[in-house]
N, C-alpha and C. Protein backbone atom coordinates (compact mmCIF):
# COMPACT_ATOMS: atom_id res chain seq x y z
N MET A 1 -22.60 -15.51 11.91
CA MET A 1 -22.29 -14.28 11.23
C MET A 1 -20.87 -13.87 11.60
N PRO A 2 -20.02 -13.58 10.59
CA PRO A 2 -18.65 -13.16 10.88
C PRO A 2 -18.62 -11.81 11.60
N SER A 3 -17.65 -11.65 12.49
CA SER A 3 -17.50 -10.38 13.19
C SER A 3 -16.02 -10.10 13.40
N ALA A 4 -15.70 -8.85 13.76
CA ALA A 4 -14.31 -8.45 13.99
C ALA A 4 -14.28 -7.41 15.08
N THR A 5 -13.09 -7.16 15.61
CA THR A 5 -12.90 -6.17 16.67
C THR A 5 -12.08 -5.01 16.13
N LEU A 6 -12.44 -3.79 16.52
CA LEU A 6 -11.72 -2.59 16.11
C LEU A 6 -10.62 -2.31 17.13
N THR A 7 -9.38 -2.08 16.65
CA THR A 7 -8.28 -1.78 17.56
C THR A 7 -8.28 -0.30 17.92
N SER A 8 -7.44 0.08 18.88
CA SER A 8 -7.35 1.49 19.29
C SER A 8 -6.83 2.37 18.17
N LYS A 9 -6.18 1.77 17.15
CA LYS A 9 -5.67 2.53 16.00
C LYS A 9 -6.67 2.56 14.84
N GLY A 10 -7.87 2.07 15.08
CA GLY A 10 -8.91 2.09 14.04
C GLY A 10 -8.75 0.98 13.01
N GLN A 11 -8.02 -0.06 13.34
CA GLN A 11 -7.79 -1.16 12.42
C GLN A 11 -8.60 -2.38 12.81
N THR A 12 -8.86 -3.22 11.83
CA THR A 12 -9.57 -4.47 12.08
C THR A 12 -9.08 -5.52 11.10
N THR A 13 -9.36 -6.76 11.38
CA THR A 13 -9.05 -7.85 10.47
C THR A 13 -10.36 -8.32 9.87
N ILE A 14 -10.41 -8.39 8.56
CA ILE A 14 -11.63 -8.87 7.90
C ILE A 14 -11.62 -10.39 7.98
N PRO A 15 -12.68 -10.97 8.51
CA PRO A 15 -12.72 -12.42 8.67
C PRO A 15 -12.50 -13.15 7.33
N ARG A 16 -11.85 -14.30 7.41
CA ARG A 16 -11.53 -15.09 6.21
C ARG A 16 -12.77 -15.36 5.36
N GLU A 17 -13.87 -15.71 6.00
CA GLU A 17 -15.11 -16.01 5.26
C GLU A 17 -15.52 -14.82 4.39
N VAL A 18 -15.39 -13.61 4.92
CA VAL A 18 -15.77 -12.39 4.18
C VAL A 18 -14.76 -12.13 3.06
N ARG A 19 -13.46 -12.27 3.36
CA ARG A 19 -12.42 -12.07 2.33
C ARG A 19 -12.62 -13.03 1.16
N GLU A 20 -12.92 -14.27 1.48
CA GLU A 20 -13.13 -15.26 0.42
C GLU A 20 -14.38 -14.93 -0.39
N HIS A 21 -15.44 -14.52 0.29
CA HIS A 21 -16.68 -14.17 -0.40
C HIS A 21 -16.47 -13.00 -1.35
N LEU A 22 -15.71 -11.99 -0.92
CA LEU A 22 -15.44 -10.81 -1.75
C LEU A 22 -14.34 -11.05 -2.78
N GLY A 23 -13.58 -12.13 -2.59
CA GLY A 23 -12.48 -12.42 -3.49
C GLY A 23 -11.33 -11.44 -3.34
N ILE A 24 -11.11 -10.95 -2.12
CA ILE A 24 -10.05 -9.98 -1.88
C ILE A 24 -8.83 -10.65 -1.27
N ARG A 25 -7.67 -10.03 -1.55
CA ARG A 25 -6.40 -10.55 -1.03
C ARG A 25 -5.59 -9.40 -0.47
N THR A 26 -4.48 -9.72 0.14
CA THR A 26 -3.57 -8.73 0.69
C THR A 26 -3.22 -7.70 -0.39
N GLY A 27 -3.32 -6.43 -0.03
CA GLY A 27 -2.98 -5.35 -0.97
C GLY A 27 -4.16 -4.82 -1.76
N ASP A 28 -5.28 -5.54 -1.79
CA ASP A 28 -6.46 -5.05 -2.50
C ASP A 28 -7.02 -3.83 -1.79
N ARG A 29 -7.62 -2.93 -2.56
CA ARG A 29 -8.24 -1.74 -1.99
C ARG A 29 -9.73 -2.02 -1.78
N LEU A 30 -10.30 -1.36 -0.77
CA LEU A 30 -11.71 -1.56 -0.44
C LEU A 30 -12.42 -0.22 -0.41
N ASP A 31 -13.69 -0.23 -0.81
CA ASP A 31 -14.56 0.94 -0.70
C ASP A 31 -15.56 0.70 0.42
N PHE A 32 -15.82 1.76 1.19
CA PHE A 32 -16.88 1.72 2.20
C PHE A 32 -17.95 2.69 1.72
N VAL A 33 -19.15 2.18 1.47
CA VAL A 33 -20.24 3.00 0.98
C VAL A 33 -21.24 3.19 2.11
N ILE A 34 -21.47 4.46 2.48
CA ILE A 34 -22.44 4.76 3.54
C ILE A 34 -23.79 5.02 2.87
N ASN A 35 -24.74 4.18 3.15
CA ASN A 35 -26.08 4.27 2.56
C ASN A 35 -26.94 5.29 3.32
N PRO A 36 -27.95 5.84 2.67
CA PRO A 36 -28.83 6.82 3.33
C PRO A 36 -29.49 6.30 4.61
N ASP A 37 -29.71 4.97 4.68
CA ASP A 37 -30.36 4.41 5.87
C ASP A 37 -29.37 4.18 7.01
N GLY A 38 -28.08 4.56 6.81
CA GLY A 38 -27.08 4.42 7.85
C GLY A 38 -26.27 3.14 7.79
N THR A 39 -26.68 2.20 6.97
CA THR A 39 -25.89 0.98 6.83
C THR A 39 -24.64 1.28 6.01
N VAL A 40 -23.63 0.45 6.19
CA VAL A 40 -22.38 0.63 5.46
C VAL A 40 -22.11 -0.63 4.65
N MET A 41 -21.74 -0.44 3.41
CA MET A 41 -21.46 -1.55 2.52
C MET A 41 -19.96 -1.57 2.24
N LEU A 42 -19.35 -2.73 2.31
CA LEU A 42 -17.93 -2.92 2.02
C LEU A 42 -17.85 -3.64 0.69
N ARG A 43 -17.03 -3.09 -0.24
CA ARG A 43 -16.87 -3.76 -1.53
C ARG A 43 -15.45 -3.57 -2.04
N PRO A 44 -14.97 -4.52 -2.83
CA PRO A 44 -13.62 -4.38 -3.39
C PRO A 44 -13.57 -3.18 -4.33
N ALA A 45 -12.51 -2.39 -4.21
CA ALA A 45 -12.33 -1.24 -5.11
C ALA A 45 -11.49 -1.65 -6.30
N THR A 46 -10.82 -2.78 -6.20
CA THR A 46 -10.00 -3.28 -7.30
C THR A 46 -10.71 -4.45 -7.95
N ILE A 47 -10.46 -4.60 -9.23
CA ILE A 47 -11.04 -5.74 -9.95
C ILE A 47 -9.93 -6.47 -10.69
N GLN A 48 -10.17 -7.71 -11.00
CA GLN A 48 -9.23 -8.50 -11.76
C GLN A 48 -9.31 -8.11 -13.23
N VAL A 49 -8.18 -8.10 -13.90
CA VAL A 49 -8.13 -7.74 -15.31
C VAL A 49 -9.07 -8.62 -16.12
N SER A 50 -9.18 -9.88 -15.76
CA SER A 50 -10.03 -10.80 -16.51
C SER A 50 -11.50 -10.37 -16.49
N GLU A 51 -11.89 -9.59 -15.48
CA GLU A 51 -13.28 -9.12 -15.39
C GLU A 51 -13.57 -8.05 -16.44
N LEU A 52 -12.54 -7.47 -17.04
CA LEU A 52 -12.72 -6.42 -18.04
C LEU A 52 -12.98 -6.96 -19.44
N LYS A 53 -12.77 -8.26 -19.62
CA LYS A 53 -12.91 -8.86 -20.94
C LYS A 53 -14.30 -8.58 -21.53
N GLY A 54 -14.30 -8.00 -22.72
CA GLY A 54 -15.54 -7.79 -23.45
C GLY A 54 -16.30 -6.52 -23.12
N ILE A 55 -15.82 -5.68 -22.20
CA ILE A 55 -16.62 -4.51 -21.83
C ILE A 55 -16.68 -3.46 -22.93
N LEU A 56 -15.75 -3.50 -23.87
CA LEU A 56 -15.76 -2.52 -24.96
C LEU A 56 -16.36 -3.07 -26.24
N HIS A 57 -16.79 -4.31 -26.21
CA HIS A 57 -17.34 -4.95 -27.41
C HIS A 57 -18.65 -4.29 -27.84
N ARG A 58 -18.72 -4.01 -29.11
CA ARG A 58 -19.95 -3.48 -29.70
C ARG A 58 -20.28 -4.32 -30.93
N LYS A 59 -21.55 -4.59 -31.15
CA LYS A 59 -21.94 -5.36 -32.33
C LYS A 59 -21.50 -4.61 -33.58
N LYS A 60 -21.10 -5.34 -34.58
CA LYS A 60 -20.66 -4.82 -35.88
C LYS A 60 -19.36 -4.02 -35.80
N MET A 61 -18.66 -4.07 -34.67
CA MET A 61 -17.37 -3.38 -34.55
C MET A 61 -16.26 -4.37 -34.86
N LYS A 62 -15.41 -4.00 -35.83
CA LYS A 62 -14.33 -4.92 -36.18
C LYS A 62 -13.13 -4.69 -35.28
N PRO A 63 -12.36 -5.73 -35.00
CA PRO A 63 -11.16 -5.57 -34.19
C PRO A 63 -10.16 -4.65 -34.90
N VAL A 64 -9.39 -3.91 -34.14
CA VAL A 64 -8.42 -2.98 -34.69
C VAL A 64 -7.04 -3.37 -34.15
N SER A 65 -6.05 -3.35 -35.03
CA SER A 65 -4.69 -3.70 -34.62
C SER A 65 -4.05 -2.52 -33.89
N VAL A 66 -2.97 -2.81 -33.17
CA VAL A 66 -2.23 -1.75 -32.48
C VAL A 66 -1.71 -0.74 -33.50
N ARG A 67 -1.25 -1.23 -34.64
CA ARG A 67 -0.75 -0.34 -35.71
C ARG A 67 -1.86 0.62 -36.16
N GLU A 68 -3.06 0.10 -36.36
CA GLU A 68 -4.18 0.96 -36.78
C GLU A 68 -4.51 2.00 -35.70
N MET A 69 -4.41 1.60 -34.43
CA MET A 69 -4.65 2.55 -33.33
C MET A 69 -3.59 3.64 -33.34
N ASP A 70 -2.32 3.24 -33.49
CA ASP A 70 -1.23 4.22 -33.54
C ASP A 70 -1.42 5.20 -34.69
N ASP A 71 -1.79 4.68 -35.87
CA ASP A 71 -2.01 5.54 -37.04
C ASP A 71 -3.14 6.54 -36.78
N ALA A 72 -4.21 6.09 -36.17
CA ALA A 72 -5.34 6.97 -35.87
C ALA A 72 -4.94 8.06 -34.88
N ILE A 73 -4.13 7.71 -33.90
CA ILE A 73 -3.66 8.70 -32.91
C ILE A 73 -2.78 9.74 -33.60
N GLN A 74 -1.84 9.27 -34.42
CA GLN A 74 -0.97 10.20 -35.14
C GLN A 74 -1.78 11.14 -36.02
N LYS A 75 -2.74 10.61 -36.72
CA LYS A 75 -3.60 11.42 -37.61
C LYS A 75 -4.32 12.50 -36.80
N HIS A 76 -4.86 12.13 -35.67
CA HIS A 76 -5.59 13.07 -34.81
C HIS A 76 -4.64 14.16 -34.29
N VAL A 77 -3.46 13.76 -33.84
CA VAL A 77 -2.50 14.72 -33.30
C VAL A 77 -2.06 15.69 -34.40
N ARG A 78 -1.75 15.16 -35.58
CA ARG A 78 -1.34 16.02 -36.70
C ARG A 78 -2.43 17.03 -37.03
N ARG A 79 -3.67 16.55 -37.10
CA ARG A 79 -4.80 17.43 -37.44
C ARG A 79 -4.95 18.52 -36.38
N LYS A 80 -4.84 18.16 -35.13
CA LYS A 80 -4.97 19.13 -34.04
C LYS A 80 -3.81 20.12 -34.06
N TYR A 81 -2.61 19.63 -34.32
CA TYR A 81 -1.42 20.48 -34.36
C TYR A 81 -1.52 21.49 -35.51
N LEU A 82 -1.95 21.02 -36.67
CA LEU A 82 -2.06 21.90 -37.85
C LEU A 82 -3.14 22.97 -37.65
N ARG A 83 -4.23 22.62 -36.98
CA ARG A 83 -5.29 23.59 -36.70
C ARG A 83 -4.79 24.73 -35.83
N GLY A 84 -3.95 24.41 -34.88
CA GLY A 84 -3.44 25.40 -33.95
C GLY A 84 -2.40 26.32 -34.57
N ARG A 85 -1.82 25.94 -35.69
CA ARG A 85 -0.75 26.73 -36.32
C ARG A 85 -1.28 27.68 -37.36
N ARG A 86 -2.53 27.62 -37.71
CA ARG A 86 -3.09 28.51 -38.75
C ARG A 86 -3.41 29.85 -38.21
């Protein structure tokens, strides 16, 4: 079982085996979750961009171009602006 030592400044080195298992590298952020039973869970707070692929996909939803997104934003802003001026 991997283990580490806490320094007088409250720092520790995460063992290589654990870093590799979590897929973390220098500069990654970590979350410490304190469970009701007193155990503590360590997990990466950052994720790779590639892990986001497909999270917004919905069945029957057609892809939208950047131009279409820009047009929709402009339409919304204009509508909101005109409502406020009446």
